[in-house]
């Protein structure tokens, strides 16, 4: 088998997000499964739309996720050309002129105003899929146009079928009559996407192109360019859309609060968990399992298992997968990971005993979905809080508990060793003394001690809050 080479080719018009991460990740897995090469190429010819910091965002966040390119402009290899389109203008021009000389392309002198007028006329005639009129194909006044700006248009073959064996969709056929002559080199000397990408893929010896379904309409144009030069075209695969819960295409405009990978980093998600979740968007393994390491994904990857239906981005599932990875961390790893996400403006952790702080944080190791959530749990340990109306309502629905709480207060006051085991013993004694168990025993104690009806291990939580504060809570609620 020839060397498998796949590429991820972002434009620096935005930051790394869920959608283009999926594209990068699938190309990475495909290449690595076959011991091939994964290339990152920057398509930066749309200069006006380029966003400052976008390239850095792409590389920084891919590296964080573990999607490491074998080649890029940061790690180039000889023999594959430039890895940024902005450095290839002369090469694109050379190939465009070659097509001109062979009569496979022609100069178009139509102004934007003329093109718009022609488009409106076609729409007025009921033509929905408007096309270029070929006004400039057989112009007889070319000599008179000397010195005027022109685009170079590709001459689309007449009524010809182009069939693509798509990895995801199977056999897809396009007819050229549905496609008008398209611009391959603009008057400013910049190559258009469909032209530049073919030359790049040829230069870089790309064997497979795996991308989103929004590129399907580009495929026949690219096939025509490959054919015009007599080049072997790569194998194409167009992955289905990622949609939100309303079945609309996932985007920053679709209301998804966490769209960019940098946002997940800032909220305290683990890169391995994001890699795991996104790898399952539109692709499925043979086995009924949802947690895989990167190495396992590389081993089990199968390009025949792409989904033919849109995949729904499920934030609940993403959080669950991240929580599974957090639970797998050792206590030391967990503490090192979570501490930077503590809001130091809300919680003064620097003047606290670090062993005590570690024990507080470890209380929630099995409860957190992502690290930033730790801030939802620390108020009771650091600040004076008020009991919520919802918790008061829970308390009001419990059976008679006044004597139980009176006994709790008395025993806690006399408890000299306010640690987990003695507190457990007190709770057990109260259960026997007042003939209470389950919710009737634990819920009143938890609410009076912690001001919450939910939480981790009760005795350990009470011990870490501390005797003075627990008694203050009990007295204030009584």
Protein backbone atom coordinates (compact mmCIF):
# COMPACT_ATOMS: atom_id res chain seq x y z
CA UNK A 1 0.00 0.00 0.00
CA UNK A 2 1.28 3.48 -0.85
CA UNK A 3 2.07 5.83 1.99
CA UNK A 4 -1.19 7.17 3.42
CA UNK A 5 -1.18 10.97 3.71
CA UNK A 6 -4.06 13.01 5.09
CA UNK A 7 -4.30 16.69 5.81
CA UNK A 8 -6.19 19.11 8.00
CA UNK A 9 -6.28 22.50 6.30
CA UNK A 10 -7.75 25.26 8.48
CA UNK A 11 -8.16 28.86 7.46
CA UNK A 12 -6.92 31.39 10.04
CA UNK A 13 -10.34 33.03 10.04
CA UNK A 14 -11.29 31.62 13.44
CA UNK A 15 -10.20 29.58 16.42
CA UNK A 16 -10.20 25.80 16.85
CA UNK A 17 -13.75 24.65 17.60
CA UNK A 18 -15.72 21.41 17.88
CA UNK A 19 -16.35 21.08 14.15
CA UNK A 20 -12.85 21.55 12.83
CA UNK A 21 -11.42 19.58 15.76
CA UNK A 22 -13.50 16.60 14.57
CA UNK A 23 -12.03 17.02 11.08
CA UNK A 24 -8.47 17.23 12.39
CA UNK A 25 -8.98 14.29 14.73
CA UNK A 26 -10.47 11.96 12.11
CA UNK A 27 -7.69 12.73 9.65
CA UNK A 28 -5.16 12.13 12.43
CA UNK A 29 -6.68 8.76 13.40
CA UNK A 30 -6.96 7.68 9.77
CA UNK A 31 -3.31 8.49 9.08
CA UNK A 32 -1.95 6.99 12.30
CA UNK A 33 -3.97 3.77 11.93
CA UNK A 34 -2.18 3.10 8.63
CA UNK A 35 1.22 4.35 9.87
CA UNK A 36 0.80 7.29 7.52
CA UNK A 37 1.40 11.02 7.77
CA UNK A 38 -0.89 13.68 9.19
CA UNK A 39 -0.29 17.11 7.69
CA UNK A 40 -1.54 20.52 8.80
CA UNK A 41 -1.71 23.05 6.00
CA UNK A 42 -2.78 26.66 6.43
CA UNK A 43 -5.21 28.00 3.83
CA UNK A 44 -4.68 31.71 4.42
CA UNK A 45 -5.43 33.31 1.07
CA UNK A 46 -8.59 35.03 2.33
CA UNK A 47 -6.42 37.74 3.85
CA UNK A 48 -9.21 40.16 4.74
CA UNK A 49 -10.95 37.58 6.94
CA UNK A 50 -7.83 36.30 8.72
CA UNK A 51 -8.09 36.64 12.50
CA UNK A 52 -5.10 37.53 14.65
CA UNK A 53 -4.07 34.61 16.85
CA UNK A 54 -6.13 32.06 14.91
CA UNK A 55 -3.15 30.02 13.70
CA UNK A 56 -1.68 29.98 17.22
CA UNK A 57 -5.07 28.83 18.55
CA UNK A 58 -5.18 25.97 16.06
CA UNK A 59 -1.72 24.62 16.89
CA UNK A 60 -1.83 25.26 20.63
CA UNK A 61 -5.18 23.55 21.13
CA UNK A 62 -4.39 20.64 18.79
CA UNK A 63 -1.19 20.01 20.73
CA UNK A 64 -3.13 20.16 24.01
CA UNK A 65 -5.59 17.57 22.66
CA UNK A 66 -2.77 15.31 21.46
CA UNK A 67 -3.48 15.78 17.74
CA UNK A 68 0.15 16.21 16.71
CA UNK A 69 0.96 16.83 13.03
CA UNK A 70 3.84 15.05 11.35
CA UNK A 71 4.26 18.03 9.02
CA UNK A 72 3.31 21.71 9.07
CA UNK A 73 4.93 25.06 8.38
CA UNK A 74 6.43 24.64 11.85
CA UNK A 75 7.76 21.20 10.88
CA UNK A 76 8.16 21.17 7.07
CA UNK A 77 9.55 18.36 4.95
CA UNK A 78 11.33 18.82 1.65
CA UNK A 79 9.53 17.74 -1.49
CA UNK A 80 5.99 18.74 -0.53
CA UNK A 81 6.00 22.47 -1.27
CA UNK A 82 4.95 25.21 1.10
CA UNK A 83 2.60 24.52 4.02
CA UNK A 84 0.94 27.96 3.81
CA UNK A 85 -1.04 29.01 0.74
CA UNK A 86 0.09 32.64 1.06
CA UNK A 87 3.58 31.48 0.07
CA UNK A 88 2.40 29.76 -3.12
CA UNK A 89 0.89 32.58 -5.21
CA UNK A 90 3.48 32.20 -7.97
CA UNK A 91 2.88 28.45 -8.18
CA UNK A 92 -0.89 28.86 -8.49
CA UNK A 93 -0.38 31.49 -11.20
CA UNK A 94 1.94 29.16 -13.09
CA UNK A 95 -0.69 26.40 -13.20
CA UNK A 96 -3.50 28.83 -14.08
CA UNK A 97 -1.46 30.10 -17.04
CA UNK A 98 -0.86 26.51 -18.10
CA UNK A 99 -4.61 25.95 -18.31
CA UNK A 100 -4.97 29.22 -20.23
CA UNK A 101 -2.40 28.15 -22.80
CA UNK A 102 -4.11 24.79 -23.27
CA UNK A 103 -7.53 26.36 -23.74
CA UNK A 104 -8.90 24.81 -20.55
CA UNK A 105 -9.34 28.22 -18.93
CA UNK A 106 -9.94 31.74 -20.19
CA UNK A 107 -9.71 35.36 -19.14
CA UNK A 108 -12.91 36.94 -17.82
CA UNK A 109 -13.12 40.74 -17.92
CA UNK A 110 -16.65 40.99 -16.53
CA UNK A 111 -17.00 43.53 -13.74
CA UNK A 112 -18.78 42.66 -10.45
CA UNK A 113 -21.63 44.93 -11.59
CA UNK A 114 -22.00 43.04 -14.88
CA UNK A 115 -21.96 39.69 -13.10
CA UNK A 116 -24.61 40.81 -10.62
CA UNK A 117 -26.84 42.16 -13.41
CA UNK A 118 -26.55 38.85 -15.25
CA UNK A 119 -27.32 36.89 -12.08
CA UNK A 120 -30.46 38.97 -11.44
CA UNK A 121 -31.60 38.42 -15.03
CA UNK A 122 -31.28 34.65 -14.60
CA UNK A 123 -33.26 34.75 -11.37
CA UNK A 124 -35.95 36.80 -13.12
CA UNK A 125 -36.20 34.00 -15.69
CA UNK A 126 -36.79 31.49 -12.89
CA UNK A 127 -33.27 30.05 -12.80
CA UNK A 128 -32.42 29.18 -9.19
CA UNK A 129 -28.91 27.74 -9.67
CA UNK A 130 -27.42 30.67 -11.55
CA UNK A 131 -24.25 30.18 -13.61
CA UNK A 132 -21.74 32.34 -15.41
CA UNK A 133 -23.02 33.14 -18.90
CA UNK A 134 -19.69 32.43 -20.64
CA UNK A 135 -19.78 35.93 -22.03
CA UNK A 136 -15.97 36.07 -22.08
CA UNK A 137 -15.35 32.57 -23.44
CA UNK A 138 -15.38 33.61 -27.08
CA UNK A 139 -14.75 37.33 -26.87
CA UNK A 140 -13.54 38.92 -30.10
CA UNK A 141 -12.38 42.15 -28.45
CA UNK A 142 -9.60 40.69 -26.29
CA UNK A 143 -7.05 43.10 -27.80
CA UNK A 144 -9.19 46.05 -26.71
CA UNK A 145 -9.28 44.71 -23.14
CA UNK A 146 -5.49 44.90 -22.81
CA UNK A 147 -4.49 46.36 -19.44
CA UNK A 148 -7.90 45.85 -17.85
CA UNK A 149 -8.21 43.61 -14.75
CA UNK A 150 -9.42 40.06 -15.37
CA UNK A 151 -10.14 36.83 -13.53
CA UNK A 152 -9.15 33.47 -14.95
CA UNK A 153 -12.09 31.07 -15.27
CA UNK A 154 -11.94 27.33 -15.66
CA UNK A 155 -13.81 26.05 -18.70
CA UNK A 156 -16.14 23.37 -17.33
CA UNK A 157 -16.53 20.38 -19.70
CA UNK A 158 -19.97 20.14 -21.29
CA UNK A 159 -22.45 17.62 -19.91
CA UNK A 160 -19.92 15.28 -18.34
CA UNK A 161 -20.48 13.02 -15.31
CA UNK A 162 -18.00 12.96 -12.43
CA UNK A 163 -18.37 10.04 -10.05
CA UNK A 164 -16.77 10.00 -6.63
CA UNK A 165 -16.50 6.90 -4.47
CA UNK A 166 -17.08 8.67 -1.19
CA UNK A 167 -15.83 6.85 1.93
CA UNK A 168 -18.90 7.94 3.90
CA UNK A 169 -21.64 8.24 1.28
CA UNK A 170 -20.68 5.65 -1.30
CA UNK A 171 -20.93 6.46 -4.99
CA UNK A 172 -21.89 10.09 -5.69
CA UNK A 173 -22.28 11.40 -9.27
CA UNK A 174 -22.24 15.03 -10.39
CA UNK A 175 -22.97 16.35 -13.87
CA UNK A 176 -20.96 19.29 -15.16
CA UNK A 177 -24.03 21.01 -16.61
CA UNK A 178 -24.98 21.88 -13.03
CA UNK A 179 -21.74 23.83 -12.59
CA UNK A 180 -20.88 27.07 -14.30
CA UNK A 181 -17.38 28.12 -15.34
CA UNK A 182 -15.72 29.09 -12.08
CA UNK A 183 -12.91 31.50 -11.24
CA UNK A 184 -9.58 29.85 -10.43
CA UNK A 185 -7.39 32.97 -10.20
CA UNK A 186 -8.74 36.36 -9.18
CA UNK A 187 -7.66 39.64 -10.70
CA UNK A 188 -5.53 40.38 -7.62
CA UNK A 189 -3.46 37.26 -8.34
CA UNK A 190 -4.94 35.20 -5.49
CA UNK A 191 -6.06 31.67 -6.30
CA UNK A 192 -9.55 30.60 -5.29
CA UNK A 193 -10.12 27.77 -2.82
CA UNK A 194 -11.09 25.06 -5.32
CA UNK A 195 -8.02 25.70 -7.44
CA UNK A 196 -5.42 26.18 -4.72
CA UNK A 197 -6.52 23.15 -2.71
CA UNK A 198 -6.04 20.81 -5.69
CA UNK A 199 -2.52 22.04 -6.34
CA UNK A 200 -1.72 21.76 -2.62
CA UNK A 201 -3.06 18.20 -2.44
CA UNK A 202 -1.03 17.28 -5.52
CA UNK A 203 2.15 18.90 -4.17
CA UNK A 204 1.75 17.20 -0.81
CA UNK A 205 0.84 13.80 -2.31
CA UNK A 206 -2.39 13.67 -0.29
CA UNK A 207 -4.03 10.26 -0.67
CA UNK A 208 -7.30 10.83 1.25
CA UNK A 209 -9.38 13.94 1.89
CA UNK A 210 -11.73 13.60 4.87
CA UNK A 211 -13.79 16.70 5.59
CA UNK A 212 -17.27 17.99 6.43
CA UNK A 213 -20.26 17.55 4.14
CA UNK A 214 -20.37 21.29 3.42
CA UNK A 215 -17.50 20.59 0.99
CA UNK A 216 -19.46 18.13 -1.17
CA UNK A 217 -20.38 20.87 -3.66
CA UNK A 218 -16.66 21.69 -4.04
CA UNK A 219 -15.73 18.12 -4.94
CA UNK A 220 -16.75 18.06 -8.64
CA UNK A 221 -14.89 21.32 -9.28
CA UNK A 222 -11.78 19.85 -7.70
CA UNK A 223 -12.20 16.63 -9.70
CA UNK A 224 -12.25 18.73 -12.88
CA UNK A 225 -8.98 20.42 -11.94
CA UNK A 226 -7.33 17.08 -11.15
CA UNK A 227 -8.52 15.78 -14.52
CA UNK A 228 -7.31 18.86 -16.39
CA UNK A 229 -3.77 18.28 -15.16
CA UNK A 230 -3.91 14.50 -15.50
CA UNK A 231 -3.34 14.02 -11.79
CA UNK A 232 -4.73 11.15 -9.72
CA UNK A 233 -7.36 12.51 -7.37
CA UNK A 234 -7.40 11.50 -3.70
CA UNK A 235 -10.09 9.36 -2.14
CA UNK A 236 -12.77 11.64 -0.71
CA UNK A 237 -14.87 11.23 2.42
CA UNK A 238 -17.48 13.76 3.57
CA UNK A 239 -18.53 13.42 7.19
CA UNK A 240 -22.08 14.30 8.16
CA UNK A 241 -22.95 17.45 10.05
CA UNK A 242 -22.60 17.89 13.79
CA UNK A 243 -25.91 19.32 14.97
CA UNK A 244 -27.12 20.85 18.21
CA UNK A 245 -30.10 19.65 20.24
CA UNK A 246 -32.49 21.50 17.89
CA UNK A 247 -30.97 19.60 14.90
CA UNK A 248 -29.40 22.77 13.51
CA UNK A 249 -25.76 22.79 12.47
CA UNK A 250 -23.58 23.26 15.53
CA UNK A 251 -21.99 26.71 15.50
CA UNK A 252 -21.16 29.58 17.80
CA UNK A 253 -24.41 31.16 16.58
CA UNK A 254 -26.52 28.09 17.37
CA UNK A 255 -26.59 28.87 21.06
CA UNK A 256 -24.01 26.31 22.15
CA UNK A 257 -22.33 28.01 25.09
CA UNK A 258 -19.08 26.08 24.78
CA UNK A 259 -18.04 25.94 21.13
CA UNK A 260 -14.31 26.66 21.05
CA UNK A 261 -11.72 24.22 22.42
CA UNK A 262 -10.08 27.03 24.41
CA UNK A 263 -13.33 27.38 26.38
CA UNK A 264 -13.13 23.75 27.46
CA UNK A 265 -9.55 24.29 28.60
CA UNK A 266 -10.62 27.33 30.61
CA UNK A 267 -13.45 25.42 32.29
CA UNK A 268 -11.28 22.51 33.31
CA UNK A 269 -11.93 19.68 30.90
CA UNK A 270 -9.27 17.05 30.36
CA UNK A 271 -7.87 16.89 26.81
CA UNK A 272 -8.12 13.09 26.76
CA UNK A 273 -11.85 13.33 27.49
CA UNK A 274 -12.50 15.84 24.70
CA UNK A 275 -10.47 13.69 22.29
CA UNK A 276 -12.54 10.68 23.35
CA UNK A 277 -15.91 12.41 22.96
CA UNK A 278 -15.21 14.11 19.62
CA UNK A 279 -13.84 10.86 18.17
CA UNK A 280 -17.33 9.41 18.66
CA UNK A 281 -19.09 12.24 16.79
CA UNK A 282 -20.10 10.67 13.51
CA UNK A 283 -17.94 7.58 13.94
CA UNK A 284 -18.54 4.43 15.98
CA UNK A 285 -16.38 1.50 17.11
CA UNK A 286 -17.42 -2.10 16.65
CA UNK A 287 -17.53 -2.81 20.35
CA UNK A 288 -20.15 -1.48 22.80
CA UNK A 289 -17.83 0.79 24.71
CA UNK A 290 -17.47 4.55 25.08
CA UNK A 291 -14.16 5.19 26.86
CA UNK A 292 -11.02 4.71 24.77
CA UNK A 293 -7.47 6.01 25.01
CA UNK A 294 -5.92 7.77 22.03
CA UNK A 295 -3.80 4.68 21.35
CA UNK A 296 -6.90 2.47 21.36
CA UNK A 297 -8.66 4.79 18.91
CA UNK A 298 -5.67 4.61 16.56
CA UNK A 299 -5.71 0.83 16.73
CA UNK A 300 -9.46 0.32 16.21
CA UNK A 301 -10.04 3.11 13.67
CA UNK A 302 -11.99 1.89 10.64
CA UNK A 303 -12.89 4.32 7.86
CA UNK A 304 -15.93 2.21 6.98
CA UNK A 305 -17.61 3.07 10.28
CA UNK A 306 -18.40 6.72 9.67
CA UNK A 307 -22.07 7.49 10.32
CA UNK A 308 -24.35 8.43 7.44
CA UNK A 309 -26.63 10.43 9.76
CA UNK A 310 -25.91 13.76 11.46
CA UNK A 311 -24.39 13.43 14.93
CA UNK A 312 -25.85 15.41 17.81
CA UNK A 313 -23.45 17.24 20.07
CA UNK A 314 -24.61 16.23 23.56
CA UNK A 315 -23.18 18.43 26.31
CA UNK A 316 -24.48 16.05 28.98
CA UNK A 317 -22.54 13.19 27.37
CA UNK A 318 -19.43 15.34 27.09
CA UNK A 319 -19.59 16.15 30.81
CA UNK A 320 -20.15 12.50 31.69
CA UNK A 321 -17.12 11.36 29.70
CA UNK A 322 -15.00 14.07 31.31
CA UNK A 323 -16.19 13.02 34.76
CA UNK A 324 -15.11 9.43 34.01
CA UNK A 325 -11.62 10.66 33.16
CA UNK A 326 -11.49 12.80 36.30
CA UNK A 327 -12.40 9.80 38.43
CA UNK A 328 -9.49 7.88 36.89
CA UNK A 329 -6.96 10.48 38.05
CA UNK A 330 -4.87 9.60 41.07
CA UNK A 331 -5.46 11.83 44.09
CA UNK A 332 -2.20 13.63 43.38
CA UNK A 333 -3.10 14.18 39.70
CA UNK A 334 -6.59 15.35 40.62
CA UNK A 335 -5.34 17.92 43.14
CA UNK A 336 -2.73 19.24 40.73
CA UNK A 337 -5.37 19.57 38.02
CA UNK A 338 -8.17 21.16 40.07
CA UNK A 339 -6.32 23.69 42.23
CA UNK A 340 -5.61 26.21 39.42
CA UNK A 341 -9.37 26.45 38.78
CA UNK A 342 -10.25 27.62 42.30
CA UNK A 343 -11.61 31.16 42.27
CA UNK A 344 -9.16 32.89 44.60
CA UNK A 345 -11.30 36.01 44.73
CA UNK A 346 -14.08 34.00 46.37
CA UNK A 347 -11.97 31.60 48.38
CA UNK A 348 -8.82 32.51 50.33
CA UNK A 349 -6.90 29.28 49.91
CA UNK A 350 -3.38 30.64 50.41
CA UNK A 351 -3.74 31.07 54.16
CA UNK A 352 -5.34 27.66 54.68
CA UNK A 353 -3.63 24.49 55.81
CA UNK A 354 -2.81 22.69 52.55
CA UNK A 355 -3.51 19.23 53.93
CA UNK A 356 -6.97 20.41 55.01
CA UNK A 357 -7.54 22.01 51.59
CA UNK A 358 -6.52 18.79 49.84
CA UNK A 359 -9.03 16.82 51.91
CA UNK A 360 -11.79 19.31 51.07
CA UNK A 361 -11.04 19.09 47.34
CA UNK A 362 -10.87 15.29 47.43
CA UNK A 363 -14.41 15.20 48.83
CA UNK A 364 -15.67 16.13 45.38
CA UNK A 365 -13.38 14.02 43.19
CA UNK A 366 -16.23 11.70 42.21
CA UNK A 367 -18.76 14.50 41.79
CA UNK A 368 -17.09 16.96 39.43
CA UNK A 369 -17.93 16.96 35.72
CA UNK A 370 -15.18 19.52 35.03
CA UNK A 371 -12.67 21.27 37.27
CA UNK A 372 -14.27 24.73 37.43
CA UNK A 373 -17.29 23.16 39.14
CA UNK A 374 -15.22 22.90 42.31
CA UNK A 375 -16.20 26.53 42.98
CA UNK A 376 -19.83 25.44 43.38
CA UNK A 377 -18.89 23.37 46.43
CA UNK A 378 -16.48 25.44 48.50
CA UNK A 379 -18.65 28.18 50.02
CA UNK A 380 -19.61 26.14 53.09
CA UNK A 381 -15.92 25.62 53.94
CA UNK A 382 -14.73 29.19 53.36
CA UNK A 383 -17.63 31.61 53.71
CA UNK A 384 -20.71 32.34 55.78
CA UNK A 385 -23.69 31.22 53.72
CA UNK A 386 -27.46 31.32 53.99
CA UNK A 387 -29.71 28.32 53.62
CA UNK A 388 -31.68 28.34 50.37
CA UNK A 389 -35.46 28.39 50.19
CA UNK A 390 -35.36 25.05 48.35
CA UNK A 391 -33.44 23.44 51.22
CA UNK A 392 -35.83 24.96 53.76
CA UNK A 393 -38.69 23.35 51.82
CA UNK A 394 -36.97 19.95 51.98
CA UNK A 395 -36.55 20.39 55.73
CA UNK A 396 -40.22 21.30 56.18
CA UNK A 397 -41.25 18.04 54.55
CA UNK A 398 -39.23 15.84 56.93
CA UNK A 399 -40.75 14.02 59.91
CA UNK A 400 -40.25 15.29 63.46
CA UNK A 401 -36.55 16.03 63.94
CA UNK A 402 -36.35 18.67 66.69
CA UNK A 403 -35.23 16.28 69.44
CA UNK A 404 -32.74 14.65 67.08
CA UNK A 405 -31.11 18.01 66.30
CA UNK A 406 -31.11 18.93 69.98
CA UNK A 407 -29.23 15.71 70.68
CA UNK A 408 -26.86 16.38 67.78
CA UNK A 409 -26.02 19.84 69.11
CA UNK A 410 -25.40 18.50 72.62
CA UNK A 411 -23.15 15.66 71.48
CA UNK A 412 -21.17 17.88 69.08
CA UNK A 413 -20.61 20.46 71.85
CA UNK A 414 -19.15 17.80 74.12
CA UNK A 415 -17.10 16.12 71.38
CA UNK A 416 -13.43 16.87 72.04
CA UNK A 417 -12.11 15.02 69.00
CA UNK A 418 -14.10 16.54 66.11
CA UNK A 419 -12.95 14.14 63.42
CA UNK A 420 -14.62 11.80 60.96
CA UNK A 421 -14.84 8.59 63.02
CA UNK A 422 -16.10 10.19 66.28
CA UNK A 423 -18.69 12.12 64.21
CA UNK A 424 -19.80 8.85 62.57
CA UNK A 425 -20.17 7.34 66.04
CA UNK A 426 -22.33 10.28 67.18
CA UNK A 427 -24.66 9.92 64.18
CA UNK A 428 -24.98 6.18 64.81
CA UNK A 429 -25.78 6.77 68.50
CA UNK A 430 -28.44 9.34 67.59
CA UNK A 431 -30.08 6.86 65.21
CA UNK A 432 -30.41 4.30 67.97
CA UNK A 433 -31.47 6.83 70.60
CA UNK A 434 -34.25 8.39 68.50
CA UNK A 435 -35.16 5.30 66.47
CA UNK A 436 -34.35 6.97 63.16
CA UNK A 437 -32.57 5.75 60.08
CA UNK A 438 -32.10 6.57 56.41
CA UNK A 439 -33.39 9.92 55.22
CA UNK A 440 -35.09 10.69 58.57
CA UNK A 441 -31.72 10.45 60.28
CA UNK A 442 -29.22 11.77 57.76
CA UNK A 443 -31.16 14.54 56.01
CA UNK A 444 -31.83 16.73 59.08
CA UNK A 445 -28.22 16.28 60.24
CA UNK A 446 -26.85 17.20 56.82
CA UNK A 447 -29.08 20.26 56.44
CA UNK A 448 -28.44 21.64 59.93
CA UNK A 449 -24.68 20.98 59.70
CA UNK A 450 -23.97 21.98 56.09
CA UNK A 451 -27.01 24.05 54.98
CA UNK A 452 -27.47 21.67 52.03
CA UNK A 453 -29.52 18.54 51.37
CA UNK A 454 -26.84 17.13 49.05
CA UNK A 455 -23.14 16.49 49.37
CA UNK A 456 -20.33 13.96 49.73
CA UNK A 457 -19.58 11.75 52.76
CA UNK A 458 -21.46 13.37 55.63
CA UNK A 459 -19.13 12.73 58.58
CA UNK A 460 -16.04 13.72 56.61
CA UNK A 461 -17.76 16.89 55.34
CA UNK A 462 -18.81 17.89 58.86
CA UNK A 463 -15.29 17.28 60.16
CA UNK A 464 -13.73 19.46 57.47
CA UNK A 465 -16.22 22.30 57.99
CA UNK A 466 -15.05 22.29 61.61
CA UNK A 467 -16.72 22.19 65.02
CA UNK A 468 -17.11 25.92 65.52
CA UNK A 469 -18.78 26.57 62.18
CA UNK A 470 -21.00 23.46 62.31
CA UNK A 471 -22.33 24.48 65.74
CA UNK A 472 -22.89 28.00 64.45
CA UNK A 473 -24.89 26.57 61.53
CA UNK A 474 -26.99 24.39 63.84
CA UNK A 475 -27.71 27.25 66.25
CA UNK A 476 -28.64 29.69 63.50
CA UNK A 477 -31.04 27.24 61.89
CA UNK A 478 -32.64 26.23 65.17
